Amino acid sequence: MSASSNWTNQPFAFASTVTLRFVSRVRQRAPIGMDDWLTLPAMVLIIAMGVCLIYGYAKKIMGYPTPFPAGSDPQSAMSRYMEAYETEAKIEFYYQLFMIPAYGFIKLSIILFYRRIFVVSKTSKLSWAFQGLVGLTVVWTLAFFFLFLFGCREKIYLHWAPLEEVNNQCGNPLTAESALVISDLIMDLIIFCLPLPIIWGLQMRPGQKVALIGVFCVGFVAVAASIVRLAIYLIVYKIGLDAGYDLDQTVTTMLWWSMIEASLGLIVACLPVLRPLLSNIKFGRTPRKDRSDGVSEESRQRLFTLEPYSAPAFRTQSKPGSWTTPSNPSLHGEV
């Protein structure tokens, strides 16, 4: 990776989407929900990740080759190497403590947004499915956060100790990191694939259905970044750093792709809500009467424009176990 500061600006560029999300909610006159609020801590954590990379770049560690021991004074050269290694390990440690909850907040925001759009009855099977996914995400986030924090038990300083000492007292750190990236990819695939069969089952015109699915499939861009990061981790885990990889540059590449995934995940979480700011085009025609699936044309239009249902809608014309959306247009006003 070239020593350029351009890549360190990434978190600040993507964090602006959070502000636009709240602007869009105000323009829609839609209530600001938990799915919106969760993007705020995610944004702060992504900025903290960016600060870690900027600090590492300023110290000429992130994005620079590892200063291998060389020179006329072996003791001085080794001291320089160990100082750079310790700084890199500390940056990686704190970076991961920011990264894991950032991933968790982004995942929860997306899941709660789905719940806000698709769920009418809080006692429906779909609602329970989303609640289960929320619980799984919370457990995943807390488990890996504490695993990385206390991977060496109370000896936090071992996280930036020499690799041999870390392996002897804490085990191979790449094992936990590989488990993180693998489970992260699986979670992302579950979350981004979840709404697709729900949308496909709605009675919409094929063009509307394909366009709406396309909006939700934008999330697979973040999945692609997760796959690249997983490939790098698995290569390093299988071959090891002794195969000629530069330690600092390899770690920088891993953290950089983690930053890409987090930034894209945040923008994907906000993108559907930004539609009113991007276009005033209305889809569909005059609302028609309900069809056999219980979803009115008004509801289809609202789903296509990704406008959430208000709280009263959850208590109106819904039956326990129903997966349908409200059919009374007067509850929501004009589209």
Protein backbone atom coordinates (compact mmCIF):
# COMPACT_ATOMS: atom_id res chain seq x y z
CA MET A 1 0.00 0.00 0.00
CA SER A 2 1.42 3.36 -0.95
CA ALA A 3 2.06 5.89 1.76
CA SER A 4 -0.75 8.22 0.89
CA SER A 5 -3.03 10.03 3.30
CA ASN A 6 -6.01 9.90 0.93
CA TRP A 7 -7.27 6.57 2.29
CA THR A 8 -7.40 7.96 5.83
CA ASN A 9 -10.20 10.39 4.84
CA GLN A 10 -12.59 7.52 4.11
CA PRO A 11 -14.53 7.39 7.42
CA PHE A 12 -15.27 11.12 7.36
CA ALA A 13 -16.61 10.98 3.80
CA PHE A 14 -19.01 8.13 4.55
CA ALA A 15 -20.10 9.47 7.95
CA SER A 16 -21.88 12.36 6.20
CA THR A 17 -24.61 9.93 5.12
CA VAL A 18 -25.80 9.75 8.72
CA THR A 19 -26.56 13.49 8.74
CA LEU A 20 -28.45 13.14 5.46
CA ARG A 21 -30.43 10.26 6.97
CA PHE A 22 -31.81 12.51 9.71
CA VAL A 23 -32.47 15.30 7.20
CA SER A 24 -34.45 12.82 5.12
CA ARG A 25 -36.51 11.73 8.13
CA VAL A 26 -37.37 15.37 8.88
CA ARG A 27 -38.38 16.02 5.27
CA GLN A 28 -40.52 12.87 5.29
CA ARG A 29 -42.06 13.96 8.61
CA ALA A 30 -41.34 10.41 9.70
CA PRO A 31 -40.58 9.55 13.33
CA ILE A 32 -36.91 9.04 14.15
CA GLY A 33 -36.62 5.47 15.32
CA MET A 34 -34.03 3.28 16.99
CA ASP A 35 -32.73 2.23 13.58
CA ASP A 36 -31.82 5.89 12.98
CA TRP A 37 -30.28 6.52 16.39
CA LEU A 38 -28.03 3.47 16.16
CA THR A 39 -26.22 5.01 13.18
CA LEU A 40 -24.85 7.75 15.46
CA PRO A 41 -22.63 5.52 17.66
CA ALA A 42 -21.67 3.60 14.52
CA MET A 43 -20.54 6.86 12.93
CA VAL A 44 -18.53 7.85 16.01
CA LEU A 45 -16.84 4.45 16.15
CA ILE A 46 -15.97 4.52 12.44
CA ILE A 47 -14.41 7.95 12.93
CA ALA A 48 -12.42 6.50 15.85
CA MET A 49 -11.23 3.71 13.54
CA GLY A 50 -10.14 6.37 11.07
CA VAL A 51 -8.28 8.24 13.81
CA CYS A 52 -6.35 5.05 14.60
CA LEU A 53 -5.29 4.72 10.96
CA ILE A 54 -4.37 8.39 10.74
CA TYR A 55 -2.29 8.12 13.90
CA GLY A 56 -0.51 5.04 12.53
CA TYR A 57 0.15 6.85 9.27
CA ALA A 58 1.49 9.90 11.12
CA LYS A 59 3.86 7.61 13.01
CA LYS A 60 4.96 6.11 9.65
CA ILE A 61 3.72 2.68 10.66
CA MET A 62 0.40 2.17 8.90
CA GLY A 63 1.01 2.06 5.16
CA TYR A 64 4.79 1.90 5.56
CA PRO A 65 7.14 -1.12 5.42
CA THR A 66 8.18 -2.59 8.75
CA PRO A 67 11.58 -1.18 9.85
CA PHE A 68 13.47 -4.47 9.96
CA PRO A 69 16.61 -4.56 12.13
CA ALA A 70 19.49 -3.34 10.01
CA GLY A 71 22.42 -1.00 10.35
CA SER A 72 25.74 -0.69 12.10
CA ASP A 73 24.23 -0.73 15.57
CA PRO A 74 22.21 -3.98 16.02
CA GLN A 75 20.85 -2.92 19.41
CA SER A 76 19.56 0.40 18.06
CA ALA A 77 18.06 -1.27 15.00
CA MET A 78 16.27 -3.88 17.10
CA SER A 79 15.00 -1.20 19.48
CA ARG A 80 13.54 0.72 16.51
CA TYR A 81 11.88 -2.45 15.21
CA MET A 82 10.32 -3.36 18.58
CA GLU A 83 9.08 0.19 19.09
CA ALA A 84 7.35 0.16 15.70
CA TYR A 85 5.91 -3.30 16.36
CA GLU A 86 4.53 -2.28 19.77
CA THR A 87 2.93 0.86 18.34
CA GLU A 88 1.35 -1.13 15.49
CA ALA A 89 0.00 -3.76 17.91
CA LYS A 90 -1.52 -1.09 20.17
CA ILE A 91 -3.19 0.62 17.22
CA GLU A 92 -4.59 -2.72 16.02
CA PHE A 93 -5.87 -3.57 19.51
CA TYR A 94 -7.80 -0.32 19.99
CA TYR A 95 -8.93 -0.33 16.35
CA GLN A 96 -10.58 -3.72 16.82
CA LEU A 97 -12.31 -2.57 20.00
CA PHE A 98 -13.87 0.25 17.95
CA MET A 99 -14.55 -1.96 14.92
CA ILE A 100 -16.54 -4.75 16.58
CA PRO A 101 -19.25 -2.55 18.20
CA ALA A 102 -19.36 -0.44 15.02
CA TYR A 103 -20.23 -3.58 13.06
CA GLY A 104 -22.82 -4.47 15.71
CA PHE A 105 -24.54 -1.06 15.61
CA ILE A 106 -24.67 -1.10 11.79
CA LYS A 107 -26.15 -4.60 11.72
CA LEU A 108 -28.75 -3.68 14.36
CA SER A 109 -29.69 -0.51 12.47
CA ILE A 110 -30.32 -2.49 9.29
CA ILE A 111 -32.33 -5.20 11.08
CA LEU A 112 -34.50 -2.65 12.91
CA PHE A 113 -35.04 -0.78 9.64
CA TYR A 114 -36.31 -4.02 8.07
CA ARG A 115 -38.58 -4.53 11.07
CA ARG A 116 -39.86 -0.98 10.74
CA ILE A 117 -40.71 -1.49 7.07
CA PHE A 118 -42.02 -5.05 6.94
CA VAL A 119 -43.56 -5.83 10.34
CA VAL A 120 -47.10 -4.79 11.22
CA SER A 121 -48.03 -7.06 14.11
CA LYS A 122 -45.51 -7.32 16.92
CA THR A 123 -46.73 -10.86 17.59
CA SER A 124 -46.25 -12.08 14.00
CA LYS A 125 -43.76 -14.74 13.01
CA LEU A 126 -41.80 -12.20 11.03
CA SER A 127 -41.53 -9.94 14.07
CA TRP A 128 -40.20 -12.82 16.14
CA ALA A 129 -37.69 -13.64 13.40
CA PHE A 130 -36.37 -10.08 13.47
CA GLN A 131 -36.23 -10.06 17.27
CA GLY A 132 -34.25 -13.30 17.19
CA LEU A 133 -31.82 -11.77 14.72
CA VAL A 134 -31.46 -8.71 16.96
CA GLY A 135 -30.64 -10.96 19.90
CA LEU A 136 -28.13 -12.94 17.85
CA THR A 137 -26.41 -9.72 16.73
CA VAL A 138 -26.18 -8.41 20.31
CA VAL A 139 -24.69 -11.70 21.53
CA TRP A 140 -22.25 -11.77 18.57
CA THR A 141 -21.09 -8.21 19.25
CA LEU A 142 -20.61 -8.64 22.99
CA ALA A 143 -18.94 -12.05 22.64
CA PHE A 144 -16.28 -10.88 20.22
CA PHE A 145 -15.77 -7.55 21.98
CA PHE A 146 -14.93 -9.24 25.27
CA LEU A 147 -12.98 -11.99 23.49
CA PHE A 148 -10.67 -9.41 21.93
CA LEU A 149 -10.52 -7.31 25.10
CA PHE A 150 -9.74 -10.20 27.46
CA GLY A 151 -8.12 -12.61 24.99
CA CYS A 152 -5.09 -12.66 27.32
CA ARG A 153 -7.32 -12.50 30.40
CA GLU A 154 -6.34 -9.62 32.66
CA LYS A 155 -2.93 -9.18 30.99
CA ILE A 156 -3.98 -6.55 28.47
CA TYR A 157 -0.36 -5.57 27.80
CA LEU A 158 0.26 -8.94 26.15
CA HIS A 159 -1.72 -7.75 23.12
CA TRP A 160 1.34 -5.73 22.08
CA ALA A 161 3.98 -8.11 23.42
CA PRO A 162 6.30 -10.00 21.00
CA LEU A 163 4.45 -12.57 18.88
CA GLU A 164 6.20 -15.53 20.48
CA GLU A 165 5.12 -14.44 23.94
CA VAL A 166 1.56 -13.79 22.75
CA ASN A 167 1.36 -17.26 21.17
CA ASN A 168 2.67 -18.91 24.34
CA GLN A 169 0.36 -17.14 26.80
CA CYS A 170 -2.71 -16.21 24.72
CA GLY A 171 -2.71 -18.62 21.79
CA ASN A 172 -2.64 -17.71 18.12
CA PRO A 173 -4.37 -14.30 17.82
CA LEU A 174 -5.27 -15.04 14.19
CA THR A 175 -7.65 -17.78 15.36
CA ALA A 176 -9.99 -15.29 17.05
CA GLU A 177 -9.63 -12.82 14.18
CA SER A 178 -10.47 -15.50 11.61
CA ALA A 179 -13.52 -16.53 13.65
CA LEU A 180 -14.59 -12.88 13.70
CA VAL A 181 -14.35 -12.31 9.95
CA ILE A 182 -15.98 -15.65 9.08
CA SER A 183 -18.94 -15.14 11.42
CA ASP A 184 -19.19 -11.49 10.32
CA LEU A 185 -19.58 -12.58 6.69
CA ILE A 186 -22.21 -15.17 7.62
CA MET A 187 -24.16 -12.58 9.63
CA ASP A 188 -24.01 -10.09 6.75
CA LEU A 189 -25.31 -12.65 4.27
CA ILE A 190 -28.22 -13.54 6.57
CA ILE A 191 -29.13 -9.89 7.14
CA PHE A 192 -28.93 -8.77 3.52
CA CYS A 193 -30.71 -11.87 2.16
CA LEU A 194 -33.55 -11.77 4.71
CA PRO A 195 -35.83 -9.20 3.00
CA LEU A 196 -35.42 -10.60 -0.53
CA PRO A 197 -37.98 -13.46 -0.30
CA ILE A 198 -40.39 -11.13 1.54
CA ILE A 199 -40.25 -8.58 -1.28
CA TRP A 200 -40.44 -11.25 -3.96
CA GLY A 201 -43.61 -12.63 -2.39
CA LEU A 202 -45.47 -9.30 -2.65
CA GLN A 203 -47.94 -8.72 -5.47
CA MET A 204 -46.15 -5.93 -7.32
CA ARG A 205 -45.44 -5.24 -10.92
CA PRO A 206 -42.21 -7.05 -11.91
CA GLY A 207 -40.41 -3.76 -12.58
CA GLN A 208 -41.22 -2.43 -9.12
CA LYS A 209 -40.24 -5.70 -7.50
CA VAL A 210 -36.87 -5.88 -9.28
CA ALA A 211 -36.10 -2.21 -8.53
CA LEU A 212 -36.95 -2.62 -4.84
CA ILE A 213 -34.85 -5.77 -4.55
CA GLY A 214 -32.03 -3.86 -6.26
CA VAL A 215 -32.13 -1.24 -3.50
CA PHE A 216 -31.69 -3.87 -0.81
CA CYS A 217 -29.02 -5.72 -2.82
CA VAL A 218 -26.74 -2.69 -2.54
CA GLY A 219 -25.76 -4.24 0.77
CA PHE A 220 -23.83 -6.92 -1.07
CA VAL A 221 -21.19 -4.29 -1.87
CA ALA A 222 -20.29 -4.35 1.82
CA VAL A 223 -20.39 -8.17 1.71
CA ALA A 224 -17.84 -8.08 -1.13
CA ALA A 225 -15.47 -6.05 1.07
CA SER A 226 -16.02 -8.59 3.85
CA ILE A 227 -15.10 -11.43 1.46
CA VAL A 228 -11.85 -9.70 0.45
CA ARG A 229 -10.94 -9.15 4.08
CA LEU A 230 -11.73 -12.80 4.88
CA ALA A 231 -9.50 -13.97 2.03
CA ILE A 232 -6.57 -11.93 3.37
CA TYR A 233 -7.07 -13.23 6.91
CA LEU A 234 -7.26 -16.85 5.78
CA ILE A 235 -4.14 -16.54 3.62
CA VAL A 236 -2.16 -15.05 6.50
CA TYR A 237 -3.62 -17.58 8.96
CA LYS A 238 -2.74 -20.56 6.75
CA ILE A 239 0.67 -19.44 5.51
CA GLY A 240 1.70 -17.19 8.38
CA LEU A 241 3.64 -13.96 8.53
CA ASP A 242 6.90 -15.88 8.19
CA ALA A 243 6.19 -16.47 4.49
CA GLY A 244 7.68 -13.12 3.49
CA TYR A 245 4.74 -10.81 4.23
CA ASP A 246 5.63 -7.41 5.63
CA LEU A 247 4.01 -7.27 9.07
CA ASP A 248 2.99 -3.60 9.15
CA GLN A 249 1.78 -3.49 5.56
CA THR A 250 -0.20 -6.72 5.98
CA VAL A 251 -1.89 -5.44 9.13
CA THR A 252 -2.59 -2.12 7.39
CA THR A 253 -4.25 -3.94 4.48
CA MET A 254 -6.43 -5.96 6.87
CA LEU A 255 -7.51 -2.90 8.84
CA TRP A 256 -8.08 -0.91 5.65
CA TRP A 257 -10.51 -3.50 4.31
CA SER A 258 -12.22 -3.57 7.70
CA MET A 259 -12.65 0.19 7.35
CA ILE A 260 -14.11 -0.24 3.86
CA GLU A 261 -16.62 -2.79 5.13
CA ALA A 262 -17.69 -0.59 8.04
CA SER A 263 -17.97 2.54 5.89
CA LEU A 264 -19.92 0.78 3.15
CA GLY A 265 -22.10 -0.90 5.76
CA LEU A 266 -22.98 2.48 7.22
CA ILE A 267 -23.82 4.01 3.86
CA VAL A 268 -25.86 0.92 2.93
CA ALA A 269 -27.79 1.26 6.20
CA CYS A 270 -28.60 4.89 5.34
CA LEU A 271 -29.06 4.69 1.57
CA PRO A 272 -32.70 3.47 1.47
CA VAL A 273 -33.74 6.30 3.79
CA LEU A 274 -32.07 8.90 1.55
CA ARG A 275 -34.35 8.24 -1.39
CA PRO A 276 -36.61 11.31 -0.80
CA LEU A 277 -33.49 13.49 -1.00
CA LEU A 278 -32.32 11.87 -4.23
CA SER A 279 -35.53 11.80 -6.22
CA ASN A 280 -39.09 13.07 -6.19
CA ILE A 281 -40.26 10.46 -8.68
CA LYS A 282 -43.46 8.70 -7.64
CA PHE A 283 -43.96 5.08 -8.51
CA GLY A 284 -47.22 3.32 -9.05
CA ARG A 285 -50.70 4.66 -9.79
CA THR A 286 -53.76 5.60 -7.80
CA PRO A 287 -54.26 3.28 -4.83
CA ARG A 288 -56.48 0.32 -5.59
CA LYS A 289 -58.41 -1.99 -3.36
CA ASP A 290 -56.66 -4.80 -1.50
CA ARG A 291 -55.74 -7.93 -3.38
CA SER A 292 -55.70 -11.47 -2.19
CA ASP A 293 -52.44 -11.08 -0.27
CA GLY A 294 -53.93 -8.38 2.00
CA VAL A 295 -51.48 -5.71 0.79
CA SER A 296 -53.08 -2.60 -0.69
CA GLU A 297 -51.65 -0.68 -3.64
CA GLU A 298 -51.08 2.18 -1.17
CA SER A 299 -48.96 -0.11 0.99
CA ARG A 300 -46.99 -1.32 -2.03
CA GLN A 301 -46.21 2.26 -2.99
CA ARG A 302 -45.14 3.09 0.55
CA LEU A 303 -42.91 0.02 0.68
CA PHE A 304 -41.42 0.94 -2.69
CA THR A 305 -40.62 4.44 -1.46
CA LEU A 306 -39.27 2.88 1.78
CA GLU A 307 -41.39 4.98 4.11
CA PRO A 308 -41.87 3.43 7.57
CA TYR A 309 -45.25 2.77 9.07
CA SER A 310 -46.24 4.85 12.04
CA ALA A 311 -46.82 3.30 15.43
CA PRO A 312 -50.65 3.27 15.15
CA ALA A 313 -50.34 1.15 12.05
CA PHE A 314 -49.06 -1.73 14.17
CA ARG A 315 -52.35 -1.79 16.03
CA THR A 316 -54.71 -1.44 13.10
CA GLN A 317 -56.15 -4.15 10.89
CA SER A 318 -53.54 -6.69 11.88
CA LYS A 319 -54.04 -10.18 13.23
CA PRO A 320 -51.68 -12.18 15.40
CA GLY A 321 -49.33 -14.14 13.18
CA SER A 322 -50.11 -12.00 10.14
CA TRP A 323 -47.30 -11.00 7.79
CA THR A 324 -49.37 -8.41 5.94
CA THR A 325 -49.11 -4.63 5.93
CA PRO A 326 -51.89 -2.16 6.79
CA SER A 327 -54.44 -1.53 4.08
CA ASN A 328 -56.05 1.69 5.39
CA PRO A 329 -54.51 4.63 3.49
CA SER A 330 -55.97 7.17 5.90
CA LEU A 331 -53.52 6.05 8.56
CA HIS A 332 -50.56 7.37 6.62
CA GLY A 333 -51.73 10.33 4.62
CA GLU A 334 -50.81 10.94 1.02
CA VAL A 335 -47.85 9.15 -0.58
